[in-house]
Amino acid sequence: MSIYWWFLIPAIFLSAFSGPIDEAVKTDGKLKKVILVFSAGVASVCGIAIIASLFAK
């Protein structure tokens, strides 16, 4: 279960700073959407895996 937290932390970090990252590379808001979708996907997969591992015991 602890390995999932290592994937969840960068996903939270990327979603929190998607605006400044998008402004730094100047991509007209497209990169921000990609980062948010990717972060949401990683967070949902990690959340499902964490919940599944709790019920598997």
Protein backbone atom coordinates (compact mmCIF):
# COMPACT_ATOMS: atom_id res chain seq x y z
CA MET A 1 0.00 0.00 0.00
CA SER A 2 2.85 2.41 0.70
CA ILE A 3 4.01 2.38 -2.93
CA TYR A 4 0.76 4.02 -4.06
CA TRP A 5 1.49 7.07 -1.91
CA TRP A 6 4.67 7.66 -3.89
CA PHE A 7 2.56 8.01 -7.04
CA LEU A 8 -0.14 10.05 -5.35
CA ILE A 9 2.23 12.75 -4.01
CA PRO A 10 3.52 13.85 -7.47
CA ALA A 11 -0.02 13.81 -8.85
CA ILE A 12 -1.14 16.21 -6.12
CA PHE A 13 1.96 18.36 -6.67
CA LEU A 14 1.37 18.55 -10.44
CA SER A 15 -2.29 19.43 -10.07
CA ALA A 16 -1.52 22.11 -7.49
CA PHE A 17 1.11 23.76 -9.70
CA SER A 18 -0.39 23.15 -13.13
CA GLY A 19 -1.05 26.87 -13.64
CA PRO A 20 2.53 28.04 -13.02
CA ILE A 21 3.91 25.14 -15.06
CA ASP A 22 1.63 26.07 -17.97
CA GLU A 23 2.68 29.73 -17.76
CA ALA A 24 6.37 28.78 -17.66
CA VAL A 25 6.19 26.81 -20.91
CA LYS A 26 3.58 29.12 -22.53
CA THR A 27 1.24 26.59 -24.17
CA ASP A 28 -2.07 28.53 -24.27
CA GLY A 29 -3.68 26.49 -21.48
CA LYS A 30 -3.47 23.14 -23.26
CA LEU A 31 -0.73 21.77 -21.02
CA LYS A 32 -2.67 22.73 -17.90
CA LYS A 33 -5.60 20.58 -19.04
CA VAL A 34 -3.30 17.66 -19.84
CA ILE A 35 -1.61 17.91 -16.45
CA LEU A 36 -4.95 18.05 -14.64
CA VAL A 37 -6.35 15.05 -16.54
CA PHE A 38 -3.16 13.04 -15.95
CA SER A 39 -3.11 13.97 -12.25
CA ALA A 40 -6.77 13.07 -11.82
CA GLY A 41 -6.19 9.72 -13.52
CA VAL A 42 -3.20 8.88 -11.35
CA ALA A 43 -5.03 10.00 -8.20
CA SER A 44 -8.09 7.90 -9.05
CA VAL A 45 -6.04 4.78 -9.85
CA CYS A 46 -4.05 5.19 -6.64
CA GLY A 47 -7.23 5.78 -4.64
CA ILE A 48 -8.85 2.64 -6.04
CA ALA A 49 -5.70 0.61 -5.37
CA ILE A 50 -5.45 1.89 -1.80
CA ILE A 51 -9.10 1.11 -1.10
CA ALA A 52 -8.78 -2.34 -2.72
CA SER A 53 -5.71 -3.18 -0.65
CA LEU A 54 -7.53 -2.21 2.54
CA PHE A 55 -10.43 -4.56 1.76
CA ALA A 56 -8.17 -7.38 0.56
CA LYS A 57 -6.82 -8.09 4.04
